[in-house]
Amino acid sequence: MPQLDTSTWFITILSSMITLFILFQLKFSSRIFPANPSPKMVTMKKTNNPWESKWTKIYLPLSSPRQ
């Protein structure tokens, strides 16, 4: 039974990896990516909620002081 010649495996694997790398680079370089979004000034509008003008406190049974 003849021996398996593995002397060319390194160059075969290396050349296939380089070829795949180049193909993927060409594939991704042909895509058009959107430009980076420009920063936009966002102003927060103050809304008047009815519960903000009142002082409220919620009394829970466990948070009340012991007597």
C-alpha atoms as a PDB file:
ATOM      1  CA  MET A   1       0.000   0.000   0.000  1.00  0.00           C
ATOM      2  CA  PRO A   2       1.630   3.320  -1.039  1.00  0.00           C
ATOM      3  CA  GLN A   3       2.240   6.105   1.434  1.00  0.00           C
ATOM      4  CA  LEU A   4       0.139   9.246   1.256  1.00  0.00           C
ATOM      5  CA  ASP A   5       2.220  12.137  -0.044  1.00  0.00           C
ATOM      6  CA  THR A   6       1.574  15.094   2.299  1.00  0.00           C
ATOM      7  CA  SER A   7       4.354  17.340   1.045  1.00  0.00           C
ATOM      8  CA  THR A   8       1.999  19.522  -0.999  1.00  0.00           C
ATOM      9  CA  TRP A   9      -0.692  19.915   1.652  1.00  0.00           C
ATOM     10  CA  PHE A  10       0.840  23.013   3.210  1.00  0.00           C
ATOM     11  CA  ILE A  11       1.024  24.983  -0.027  1.00  0.00           C
ATOM     12  CA  THR A  12      -2.444  23.780  -1.056  1.00  0.00           C
ATOM     13  CA  ILE A  13      -4.060  24.858   2.220  1.00  0.00           C
ATOM     14  CA  LEU A  14      -2.142  28.112   2.309  1.00  0.00           C
ATOM     15  CA  SER A  15      -3.035  29.053  -1.274  1.00  0.00           C
ATOM     16  CA  SER A  16      -6.703  28.186  -0.739  1.00  0.00           C
ATOM     17  CA  MET A  17      -6.828  30.345   2.411  1.00  0.00           C
ATOM     18  CA  ILE A  18      -5.214  33.256   0.586  1.00  0.00           C
ATOM     19  CA  THR A  19      -7.646  32.829  -2.298  1.00  0.00           C
ATOM     20  CA  LEU A  20     -10.624  32.777   0.058  1.00  0.00           C
ATOM     21  CA  PHE A  21      -9.314  35.854   1.842  1.00  0.00           C
ATOM     22  CA  ILE A  22      -8.965  37.758  -1.440  1.00  0.00           C
ATOM     23  CA  LEU A  23     -12.417  36.668  -2.609  1.00  0.00           C
ATOM     24  CA  PHE A  24     -14.043  37.814   0.621  1.00  0.00           C
ATOM     25  CA  GLN A  25     -12.192  41.102   0.484  1.00  0.00           C
ATOM     26  CA  LEU A  26     -13.431  41.690  -3.059  1.00  0.00           C
ATOM     27  CA  LYS A  27     -16.949  40.709  -2.085  1.00  0.00           C
ATOM     28  CA  PHE A  28     -17.094  43.074   0.876  1.00  0.00           C
ATOM     29  CA  SER A  29     -15.358  45.929  -0.910  1.00  0.00           C
ATOM     30  CA  SER A  30     -18.027  45.932  -3.619  1.00  0.00           C
ATOM     31  CA  ARG A  31     -20.767  46.590  -1.078  1.00  0.00           C
ATOM     32  CA  ILE A  32     -21.954  50.132  -0.533  1.00  0.00           C
ATOM     33  CA  PHE A  33     -22.188  50.975   3.145  1.00  0.00           C
ATOM     34  CA  PRO A  34     -24.236  53.957   4.345  1.00  0.00           C
ATOM     35  CA  ALA A  35     -22.306  56.973   5.538  1.00  0.00           C
ATOM     36  CA  ASN A  36     -21.883  57.638   9.221  1.00  0.00           C
ATOM     37  CA  PRO A  37     -24.858  59.556  10.606  1.00  0.00           C
ATOM     38  CA  SER A  38     -24.130  63.134  11.502  1.00  0.00           C
ATOM     39  CA  PRO A  39     -24.775  64.170  15.102  1.00  0.00           C
ATOM     40  CA  LYS A  40     -28.095  65.866  15.602  1.00  0.00           C
ATOM     41  CA  MET A  41     -28.938  68.267  18.382  1.00  0.00           C
ATOM     42  CA  VAL A  42     -31.828  66.888  20.360  1.00  0.00           C
ATOM     43  CA  THR A  43     -33.706  69.273  22.608  1.00  0.00           C
ATOM     44  CA  MET A  44     -35.696  67.771  25.423  1.00  0.00           C
ATOM     45  CA  LYS A  45     -39.147  69.256  25.702  1.00  0.00           C
ATOM     46  CA  LYS A  46     -40.414  69.625  29.247  1.00  0.00           C
ATOM     47  CA  THR A  47     -43.870  68.142  29.615  1.00  0.00           C
ATOM     48  CA  ASN A  48     -46.118  69.141  32.446  1.00  0.00           C
ATOM     49  CA  ASN A  49     -47.546  66.049  34.004  1.00  0.00           C
ATOM     50  CA  PRO A  50     -50.308  66.439  36.586  1.00  0.00           C
ATOM     51  CA  TRP A  51     -48.484  64.291  39.119  1.00  0.00           C
ATOM     52  CA  GLU A  52     -45.349  66.414  39.008  1.00  0.00           C
ATOM     53  CA  SER A  53     -47.030  69.432  40.549  1.00  0.00           C
ATOM     54  CA  LYS A  54     -48.256  67.476  43.587  1.00  0.00           C
ATOM     55  CA  TRP A  55     -46.192  66.070  46.391  1.00  0.00           C
ATOM     56  CA  THR A  56     -47.121  62.475  46.924  1.00  0.00           C
ATOM     57  CA  LYS A  57     -45.774  59.830  49.187  1.00  0.00           C
ATOM     58  CA  ILE A  58     -46.640  56.180  49.127  1.00  0.00           C
ATOM     59  CA  TYR A  59     -46.853  54.556  52.508  1.00  0.00           C
ATOM     60  CA  LEU A  60     -46.092  50.887  52.524  1.00  0.00           C
ATOM     61  CA  PRO A  61     -46.843  48.761  55.573  1.00  0.00           C
ATOM     62  CA  LEU A  62     -43.228  47.596  55.872  1.00  0.00           C
ATOM     63  CA  SER A  63     -41.716  51.044  55.480  1.00  0.00           C
ATOM     64  CA  SER A  64     -43.727  52.730  58.230  1.00  0.00           C
ATOM     65  CA  PRO A  65     -41.839  53.421  61.457  1.00  0.00           C
ATOM     66  CA  ARG A  66     -42.370  51.070  64.369  1.00  0.00           C
ATOM     67  CA  GLN A  67     -44.193  52.379  67.383  1.00  0.00           C
END
